[in-house]
Amino acid sequence: MSRHIPNFLTLSNLFFGCCALVFSLNHETVVAAWFVLGCFVCDYADGMTARARWELRPRSANNSTLWPTW
């Protein structure tokens, strides 16, 4: 069960990002900012739990960086 925690955090990040987009399009910037903060927290926690569980493989390690890998 604990191996699904990084996946749950990734989906939570997606949910918070979609909610932030919807609220920002409705001109509710304060609520959108809180959802963006939730995105940051989930993204950080996702990376930390994946690294703590050694779930990064060489290919997925390339996907977790912002630098182009071509």
C-alpha atoms as a PDB file:
ATOM      1  CA  MET A   1       0.000   0.000   0.000  1.00  0.00           C
ATOM      2  CA  SER A   2       2.789   2.439   0.796  1.00  0.00           C
ATOM      3  CA  ARG A   3       4.143   2.197  -2.735  1.00  0.00           C
ATOM      4  CA  HIS A   4       1.037   4.029  -3.950  1.00  0.00           C
ATOM      5  CA  ILE A   5       1.701   7.129  -1.847  1.00  0.00           C
ATOM      6  CA  PRO A   6       3.813   8.923  -4.519  1.00  0.00           C
ATOM      7  CA  ASN A   7       1.123   8.185  -7.101  1.00  0.00           C
ATOM      8  CA  PHE A   8      -1.572   9.569  -4.812  1.00  0.00           C
ATOM      9  CA  LEU A   9       0.484  12.719  -4.275  1.00  0.00           C
ATOM     10  CA  THR A  10       0.929  13.114  -8.032  1.00  0.00           C
ATOM     11  CA  LEU A  11      -2.818  12.861  -8.565  1.00  0.00           C
ATOM     12  CA  SER A  12      -3.388  15.326  -5.729  1.00  0.00           C
ATOM     13  CA  ASN A  13      -1.000  17.704  -7.468  1.00  0.00           C
ATOM     14  CA  LEU A  14      -3.022  17.360 -10.668  1.00  0.00           C
ATOM     15  CA  PHE A  15      -6.274  17.981  -8.795  1.00  0.00           C
ATOM     16  CA  PHE A  16      -4.941  21.094  -7.059  1.00  0.00           C
ATOM     17  CA  GLY A  17      -3.582  22.410 -10.350  1.00  0.00           C
ATOM     18  CA  CYS A  18      -6.904  21.972 -12.127  1.00  0.00           C
ATOM     19  CA  CYS A  19      -8.748  23.654  -9.275  1.00  0.00           C
ATOM     20  CA  ALA A  20      -6.260  26.536  -9.333  1.00  0.00           C
ATOM     21  CA  LEU A  21      -6.842  26.968 -13.048  1.00  0.00           C
ATOM     22  CA  VAL A  22     -10.619  26.992 -12.676  1.00  0.00           C
ATOM     23  CA  PHE A  23     -10.565  29.490  -9.814  1.00  0.00           C
ATOM     24  CA  SER A  24      -8.101  31.769 -11.567  1.00  0.00           C
ATOM     25  CA  LEU A  25     -10.283  31.802 -14.683  1.00  0.00           C
ATOM     26  CA  ASN A  26     -13.203  32.812 -12.457  1.00  0.00           C
ATOM     27  CA  HIS A  27     -11.116  35.728 -11.081  1.00  0.00           C
ATOM     28  CA  GLU A  28     -10.879  34.276  -7.595  1.00  0.00           C
ATOM     29  CA  THR A  29      -7.163  34.755  -7.214  1.00  0.00           C
ATOM     30  CA  VAL A  30      -6.914  34.217  -3.460  1.00  0.00           C
ATOM     31  CA  VAL A  31      -8.496  30.777  -3.654  1.00  0.00           C
ATOM     32  CA  ALA A  32      -6.396  29.956  -6.725  1.00  0.00           C
ATOM     33  CA  ALA A  33      -3.253  30.953  -4.838  1.00  0.00           C
ATOM     34  CA  TRP A  34      -4.120  28.525  -2.047  1.00  0.00           C
ATOM     35  CA  PHE A  35      -4.544  25.743  -4.579  1.00  0.00           C
ATOM     36  CA  VAL A  36      -1.197  26.625  -6.154  1.00  0.00           C
ATOM     37  CA  LEU A  37       0.350  26.379  -2.698  1.00  0.00           C
ATOM     38  CA  GLY A  38      -1.249  22.925  -2.412  1.00  0.00           C
ATOM     39  CA  CYS A  39       0.398  22.041  -5.737  1.00  0.00           C
ATOM     40  CA  PHE A  40       3.800  23.042  -4.387  1.00  0.00           C
ATOM     41  CA  VAL A  41       3.347  20.992  -1.228  1.00  0.00           C
ATOM     42  CA  CYS A  42       2.142  17.892  -3.088  1.00  0.00           C
ATOM     43  CA  ASP A  43       4.914  18.165  -5.671  1.00  0.00           C
ATOM     44  CA  TYR A  44       7.581  18.479  -2.986  1.00  0.00           C
ATOM     45  CA  ALA A  45       6.137  15.615  -0.947  1.00  0.00           C
ATOM     46  CA  ASP A  46       5.848  13.456  -4.075  1.00  0.00           C
ATOM     47  CA  GLY A  47       9.510  13.937  -4.910  1.00  0.00           C
ATOM     48  CA  MET A  48      10.646  13.303  -1.372  1.00  0.00           C
ATOM     49  CA  THR A  49       8.612  10.124  -0.945  1.00  0.00           C
ATOM     50  CA  ALA A  50       9.726   8.776  -4.319  1.00  0.00           C
ATOM     51  CA  ARG A  51      13.359   9.408  -3.462  1.00  0.00           C
ATOM     52  CA  ALA A  52      12.948   7.974   0.028  1.00  0.00           C
ATOM     53  CA  ARG A  53      11.512   4.786  -1.426  1.00  0.00           C
ATOM     54  CA  TRP A  54      14.159   4.595  -4.182  1.00  0.00           C
ATOM     55  CA  GLU A  55      11.482   4.568  -6.860  1.00  0.00           C
ATOM     56  CA  LEU A  56      13.413   6.689  -9.308  1.00  0.00           C
ATOM     57  CA  ARG A  57      14.733   4.643 -12.174  1.00  0.00           C
ATOM     58  CA  PRO A  58      17.219   6.059 -14.697  1.00  0.00           C
ATOM     59  CA  ARG A  59      14.453   6.880 -17.147  1.00  0.00           C
ATOM     60  CA  SER A  60      12.085   8.390 -14.593  1.00  0.00           C
ATOM     61  CA  ALA A  61      14.946  10.372 -13.074  1.00  0.00           C
ATOM     62  CA  ASN A  62      15.136  12.238 -16.353  1.00  0.00           C
ATOM     63  CA  ASN A  63      11.422  12.991 -16.168  1.00  0.00           C
ATOM     64  CA  SER A  64      11.666  14.490 -12.696  1.00  0.00           C
ATOM     65  CA  THR A  65      13.945  17.342 -13.762  1.00  0.00           C
ATOM     66  CA  LEU A  66      13.115  20.512 -15.620  1.00  0.00           C
ATOM     67  CA  TRP A  67      16.260  20.330 -17.734  1.00  0.00           C
ATOM     68  CA  PRO A  68      15.834  18.924 -21.275  1.00  0.00           C
ATOM     69  CA  THR A  69      17.405  15.468 -21.626  1.00  0.00           C
ATOM     70  CA  TRP A  70      17.803  15.071 -25.356  1.00  0.00           C
END
